[in-house]
Each structure stands twice: as structure tokens, then as C-alpha cells.
Amino acid sequence: MLEAITFDFWDTIAIDDSDEAKRRARGLPSKADARTAMFVEYIGRKHPRVAAKRAAEAYAAANARFGNEWHNGHHTPAVSTRLSYAFEYLDLLPGPGHYTRLLAEIDELVREIEVMEVRIPPDIAPGVENALYLLSREYKLGIISDTIHTHGRGLRHLLNQQGLLPFFSAFIFSDEVGVSKPETAIFRYAAEALDAPPRAIAHVGDRESNDIIGPRMAGFRTVLFTGIVDRGSARTRADAICRHYIDLPAILQRLR
């Protein structure tokens, strides 16, 4: 018997990078270019001897280091930590005992990077609101999401903007729990938060490694969602495939 349903966020509830077209329409650069420009501008003000090209190189190196820790270490360092990697690359980290001062100094830059997706929100998946309404009448609902540039507080804000926040009773974000998918620990945290045994939870998400293999190892049932992007449904190990949210309640009934 299923008691709870958990959802991935990006490309499951919200359409990742759907805000990029809105940015172009407003004459704004891509988010990636804007983040780099913000860091380069900051370094130019605080450390004018560092060339802009060198600062951009440092930010790219920090992004690569973050990616390695995310994909291989299964945790997502905070935006402030990612920026500290760039400072380290430039040999600009303060001495022992002064790291807290650096975090205070870059707080405005950190927040500007974090809120970029909140300022121009992404689109949500067609039909998700009605599906969540129906499911919330029968199951406890939760979110399990890795956080990259937009952290847990930002994702809560996006959910609230779309009127979806009240449907959920548990929020498991990688920046808040210290581990990311597909580690089984993040799914155990969700089971505890939802007060349900893993076998009574189904997870819905778009990525085979993160949203199917990970939760299966934790004892969850799994549904591969392909309504935004199909990442290999022909080879999935999921218990079911959902291509349209209108079908999800019936799919979950069959998994019960």
C-alpha cells in the first residue's frame, strides 16, 4: 500500500531553463554568462590587478570542481563554497581564521546568484497542479531535489509562486541535508520526514540514475516521468513510466 509520493523538482515539476527564452526576450544574457559576469565584476572591484579573463577562468574551474563533487561525491556545495573555490584558484583566499569574513563580504554576490531563477521563474510542467491536488487528497507528498545554483529556500519560493507549496509536507534539498541523489541517505531522510516506510513510497522523477536507481536502492517504488524530457525510457528500470501528469494518479493506483 502506497502512503506517500515524492517528486524530483527540475524537469519533473518545473521545466529546467525554461526561463532562458524569457531572459533573451528581455535582452538579458544567459544565466551562465550572467553568473560569470557577476563574479568577474566583483573581482574587478575588489582585486583590480586580476585580469577579467583570469577571473572568468577561475569561475569556470570552480564550476568544474562543483560538478565533480556533485556527480562523484554526491553532495552539492553551497554557492558560497563554489565561490571560495574560485578565490582559491586565484590565490585570494584569506588566511586561517578569516574565512568567515570572506563569506560576509561575498554575501550579496551569493544571494544574487541564488535568486536568478526566482526573479524570472521557470514554467511548470503541464497538468502538474491538478495532479498534485488529486494526489494530495490520498497521499502524503514530498520533494527530493538536488540544488545547484538555486538552493532549498529558492525552490520553496518557486513552489510558492506557482501555488504548489501547500501540497507538500516534506522538503528534502541536497544543500540542507548534506547529501545528493542518488545516495540512499537522501531518500531515507524523505521516508523519515514523511513518516512512511520506504516500501510505501513512490518517487517520481526524470533521471534514471538519480530518480530511479537511487530510490530503488532505498526501497522506494519508482516512476520515470518523461513529460518534459525523455532520458532513456526504453531502457528504464522504473516500475512505471508517466508521460503525462493526467495519467499519474492511475499509474500510482496500479503500483499500490
Protein backbone atom coordinates (compact mmCIF):
# COMPACT_ATOMS: atom_id res chain seq x y z
CA MET A 1 0.00 0.00 0.00
CA LEU A 2 1.43 3.37 -1.01
CA GLU A 3 1.28 6.05 1.66
CA ALA A 4 3.44 8.80 0.17
CA ILE A 5 4.73 10.14 -3.16
CA THR A 6 7.95 12.09 -3.61
CA PHE A 7 8.88 14.21 -6.60
CA ASP A 8 12.05 15.50 -8.16
CA PHE A 9 11.87 19.23 -8.95
CA TRP A 10 13.78 20.11 -12.15
CA ASP A 11 12.31 18.62 -15.33
CA THR A 12 9.67 16.90 -13.24
CA ILE A 13 7.71 19.74 -11.63
CA ALA A 14 9.49 22.73 -13.20
CA ILE A 15 10.92 22.89 -16.73
CA ASP A 16 14.63 23.47 -16.33
CA ASP A 17 15.99 26.51 -18.18
CA SER A 18 12.55 27.46 -19.50
CA ASP A 19 13.37 30.92 -18.18
CA GLU A 20 16.21 31.30 -20.69
CA ALA A 21 13.82 32.26 -23.51
CA LYS A 22 12.26 34.85 -21.22
CA ARG A 23 15.71 36.26 -20.49
CA ARG A 24 16.52 36.52 -24.20
CA ALA A 25 13.21 38.29 -24.82
CA ARG A 26 14.24 40.88 -22.24
CA GLY A 27 17.68 41.29 -23.75
CA LEU A 28 19.39 39.56 -20.82
CA PRO A 29 22.35 37.18 -21.10
CA SER A 30 22.04 33.50 -20.25
CA LYS A 31 22.17 32.64 -16.58
CA ALA A 32 25.57 31.00 -17.01
CA ASP A 33 27.01 34.10 -18.68
CA ALA A 34 25.37 36.37 -16.10
CA ARG A 35 26.87 34.43 -13.19
CA THR A 36 30.32 34.61 -14.71
CA ALA A 37 29.90 38.33 -15.38
CA MET A 38 28.84 38.95 -11.78
CA PHE A 39 31.90 37.18 -10.45
CA VAL A 40 34.24 38.94 -12.88
CA GLU A 41 32.75 42.31 -11.96
CA TYR A 42 33.14 41.59 -8.24
CA ILE A 43 36.78 40.56 -8.64
CA GLY A 44 37.43 43.62 -10.79
CA ARG A 45 36.18 45.89 -8.00
CA LYS A 46 37.86 44.11 -5.11
CA HIS A 47 41.02 42.90 -6.81
CA PRO A 48 41.68 45.17 -9.84
CA ARG A 49 45.03 43.54 -10.56
CA VAL A 50 43.29 40.31 -11.58
CA ALA A 51 42.51 40.31 -15.31
CA ALA A 52 38.88 39.69 -16.31
CA LYS A 53 39.90 36.67 -18.38
CA ARG A 54 41.65 35.16 -15.39
CA ALA A 55 38.62 35.74 -13.16
CA ALA A 56 36.33 34.06 -15.71
CA GLU A 57 38.76 31.15 -15.88
CA ALA A 58 38.62 30.82 -12.09
CA TYR A 59 34.83 30.73 -12.09
CA ALA A 60 34.82 28.03 -14.77
CA ALA A 61 37.29 25.99 -12.71
CA ALA A 62 35.07 26.38 -9.64
CA ASN A 63 32.07 25.14 -11.63
CA ALA A 64 34.04 22.10 -12.78
CA ARG A 65 35.08 21.34 -9.20
CA PHE A 66 31.46 21.64 -8.07
CA GLY A 67 30.39 19.26 -10.86
CA ASN A 68 32.92 16.67 -9.75
CA GLU A 69 31.76 16.85 -6.14
CA TRP A 70 28.12 16.63 -7.21
CA HIS A 71 28.45 13.72 -9.62
CA ASN A 72 31.21 11.75 -7.89
CA GLY A 73 30.98 12.85 -4.26
CA HIS A 74 27.17 13.03 -4.19
CA HIS A 75 26.87 16.34 -2.40
CA THR A 76 26.23 19.87 -3.61
CA PRO A 77 28.46 22.54 -2.06
CA ALA A 78 26.80 25.87 -1.33
CA VAL A 79 27.12 28.78 -3.74
CA SER A 80 29.43 30.43 -1.20
CA THR A 81 31.66 27.35 -1.22
CA ARG A 82 31.72 27.32 -5.02
CA LEU A 83 32.83 30.95 -4.99
CA SER A 84 35.53 30.10 -2.46
CA TYR A 85 36.87 27.55 -4.97
CA ALA A 86 37.25 30.40 -7.47
CA PHE A 87 39.02 32.54 -4.86
CA GLU A 88 41.32 29.63 -4.11
CA TYR A 89 42.08 29.27 -7.83
CA LEU A 90 43.09 32.94 -7.87
CA ASP A 91 45.10 32.52 -4.65
CA LEU A 92 42.83 35.07 -2.97
CA LEU A 93 41.55 33.01 -0.05
CA PRO A 94 42.15 34.79 3.28
CA GLY A 95 44.40 33.27 5.87
CA PRO A 96 43.26 30.93 8.67
CA GLY A 97 40.60 32.48 10.86
CA HIS A 98 39.42 34.94 8.19
CA TYR A 99 37.20 32.68 6.06
CA THR A 100 34.08 33.91 7.88
CA ARG A 101 34.99 37.45 6.86
CA LEU A 102 35.15 36.38 3.23
CA LEU A 103 31.68 34.81 3.44
CA ALA A 104 30.31 38.05 4.87
CA GLU A 105 31.95 40.09 2.12
CA ILE A 106 30.54 37.96 -0.71
CA ASP A 107 27.06 37.51 0.80
CA GLU A 108 25.45 39.93 -1.67
CA LEU A 109 27.04 38.15 -4.63
CA VAL A 110 25.93 34.77 -3.28
CA ARG A 111 22.34 35.91 -2.96
CA GLU A 112 22.32 37.47 -6.44
CA ILE A 113 23.42 34.15 -7.93
CA GLU A 114 20.91 32.18 -5.87
CA VAL A 115 17.88 34.30 -6.75
CA MET A 116 18.44 34.47 -10.50
CA GLU A 117 15.94 31.67 -11.18
CA VAL A 118 13.50 33.11 -8.68
CA ARG A 119 13.46 36.54 -10.30
CA ILE A 120 12.35 35.14 -13.66
CA PRO A 121 10.68 31.85 -12.72
CA PRO A 122 10.68 28.74 -14.90
CA ASP A 123 7.50 27.25 -16.32
CA ILE A 124 5.89 24.31 -14.56
CA ALA A 125 5.01 21.02 -16.21
CA PRO A 126 1.59 20.90 -17.89
CA GLY A 127 -1.03 19.33 -15.65
CA VAL A 128 1.14 19.16 -12.53
CA GLU A 129 -1.09 21.36 -10.36
CA ASN A 130 -4.20 19.25 -10.91
CA ALA A 131 -2.26 16.03 -10.41
CA LEU A 132 -0.81 17.28 -7.11
CA TYR A 133 -4.26 18.37 -5.96
CA LEU A 134 -5.71 14.91 -6.60
CA LEU A 135 -2.75 13.04 -5.13
CA SER A 136 -2.59 15.19 -2.00
CA ARG A 137 -6.10 14.00 -1.09
CA GLU A 138 -4.86 10.41 -0.90
CA TYR A 139 -1.10 10.51 -0.19
CA LYS A 140 1.48 12.50 1.73
CA LEU A 141 3.63 14.37 -0.79
CA GLY A 142 7.28 15.39 -0.64
CA ILE A 143 10.05 16.92 -2.74
CA ILE A 144 13.53 15.39 -3.10
CA SER A 145 15.79 17.64 -5.15
CA ASP A 146 19.44 18.36 -5.72
CA THR A 147 20.21 22.07 -5.50
CA ILE A 148 22.74 23.67 -7.83
CA HIS A 149 22.51 27.46 -8.06
CA THR A 150 19.04 27.81 -6.54
CA HIS A 151 19.07 26.39 -3.03
CA GLY A 152 16.25 24.98 -0.94
CA ARG A 153 14.89 28.36 0.12
CA GLY A 154 14.74 29.42 -3.53
CA LEU A 155 12.94 26.24 -4.60
CA ARG A 156 10.38 26.73 -1.83
CA HIS A 157 9.86 30.25 -3.17
CA LEU A 158 9.33 28.94 -6.71
CA LEU A 159 6.80 26.38 -5.44
CA ASN A 160 5.00 29.08 -3.51
CA GLN A 161 4.94 31.38 -6.57
CA GLN A 162 3.11 28.68 -8.50
CA GLY A 163 0.71 27.86 -5.65
CA LEU A 164 2.17 24.37 -5.25
CA LEU A 165 3.87 24.66 -1.87
CA PRO A 166 0.83 23.70 0.26
CA PHE A 167 0.55 20.31 -1.45
CA PHE A 168 3.83 19.14 0.13
CA SER A 169 4.59 18.18 3.71
CA ALA A 170 8.27 17.25 3.33
CA PHE A 171 11.13 19.04 1.57
CA ILE A 172 14.46 17.28 1.17
CA PHE A 173 17.01 19.53 -0.55
CA SER A 174 20.61 18.47 -1.01
CA ASP A 175 22.07 21.73 0.34
CA GLU A 176 20.11 21.28 3.56
CA VAL A 177 20.74 17.59 4.24
CA GLY A 178 24.37 17.44 3.04
CA VAL A 179 23.92 14.64 0.51
CA SER A 180 22.54 14.47 -3.02
CA LYS A 181 20.89 11.88 -5.23
CA PRO A 182 21.36 9.03 -5.93
CA GLU A 183 22.73 8.35 -2.41
CA THR A 184 20.23 6.26 -0.47
CA ALA A 185 20.60 8.54 2.56
CA ILE A 186 18.64 11.36 0.90
CA PHE A 187 15.71 9.00 0.33
CA ARG A 188 15.90 7.75 3.92
CA TYR A 189 15.62 11.36 5.08
CA ALA A 190 12.47 11.68 2.99
CA ALA A 191 10.97 8.50 4.45
CA GLU A 192 11.62 9.83 7.96
CA ALA A 193 10.14 13.23 7.14
CA LEU A 194 7.03 11.62 5.64
CA ASP A 195 6.77 9.07 8.47
CA ALA A 196 6.37 6.24 5.98
CA PRO A 197 8.39 3.07 5.31
CA PRO A 198 10.36 3.14 2.03
CA ARG A 199 8.26 0.33 0.55
CA ALA A 200 5.19 2.56 0.95
CA ILE A 201 6.68 5.46 -1.03
CA ALA A 202 6.86 6.00 -4.79
CA HIS A 203 9.33 8.50 -6.24
CA VAL A 204 8.62 10.37 -9.48
CA GLY A 205 11.50 11.87 -11.46
CA ASP A 206 13.14 12.23 -14.85
CA ARG A 207 16.69 10.86 -14.40
CA GLU A 208 17.44 7.14 -14.37
CA SER A 209 20.48 7.35 -12.08
CA ASN A 210 19.07 9.87 -9.61
CA ASP A 211 15.34 9.19 -9.64
CA ILE A 212 15.09 5.51 -10.46
CA ILE A 213 18.23 3.63 -9.39
CA GLY A 214 18.77 5.74 -6.26
CA PRO A 215 15.29 5.38 -4.77
CA ARG A 216 15.06 1.71 -5.80
CA MET A 217 18.20 1.04 -3.76
CA ALA A 218 16.48 2.76 -0.83
CA GLY A 219 13.41 0.53 -1.21
CA PHE A 220 11.08 3.00 -2.94
CA ARG A 221 8.80 2.26 -5.87
CA THR A 222 9.70 4.41 -8.88
CA VAL A 223 8.02 6.25 -11.76
CA LEU A 224 10.06 7.71 -14.62
CA PHE A 225 8.50 10.99 -15.75
CA THR A 226 9.04 11.79 -19.44
CA GLY A 227 6.54 14.64 -19.85
CA ILE A 228 9.30 17.24 -20.19
CA VAL A 229 12.25 15.24 -21.48
CA ASP A 230 12.65 11.51 -22.15
CA ARG A 231 16.01 10.38 -20.80
CA GLY A 232 16.01 6.74 -21.87
CA SER A 233 12.56 5.36 -21.08
CA ALA A 234 13.20 2.40 -23.40
CA ARG A 235 15.89 1.16 -21.00
CA THR A 236 14.49 2.24 -17.67
CA ARG A 237 14.33 0.05 -14.57
CA ALA A 238 11.41 2.07 -13.21
CA ASP A 239 8.26 0.34 -12.03
CA ALA A 240 6.25 2.57 -14.36
CA ILE A 241 6.59 5.37 -16.91
CA CYS A 242 4.46 8.51 -16.81
CA ARG A 243 4.35 10.62 -19.98
CA HIS A 244 1.52 12.97 -18.94
CA TYR A 245 0.53 14.12 -15.46
CA ILE A 246 -3.10 13.34 -16.19
CA ASP A 247 -2.12 9.66 -16.09
CA LEU A 248 -0.15 9.74 -12.83
CA PRO A 249 -2.97 9.05 -10.33
CA ALA A 250 -3.99 5.89 -12.23
CA ILE A 251 -0.35 4.77 -12.56
CA LEU A 252 0.12 5.07 -8.81
CA GLN A 253 -3.12 3.18 -8.18
CA ARG A 254 -1.69 0.27 -10.17
CA LEU A 255 1.50 0.36 -8.11
CA ARG A 256 -0.41 0.04 -4.85
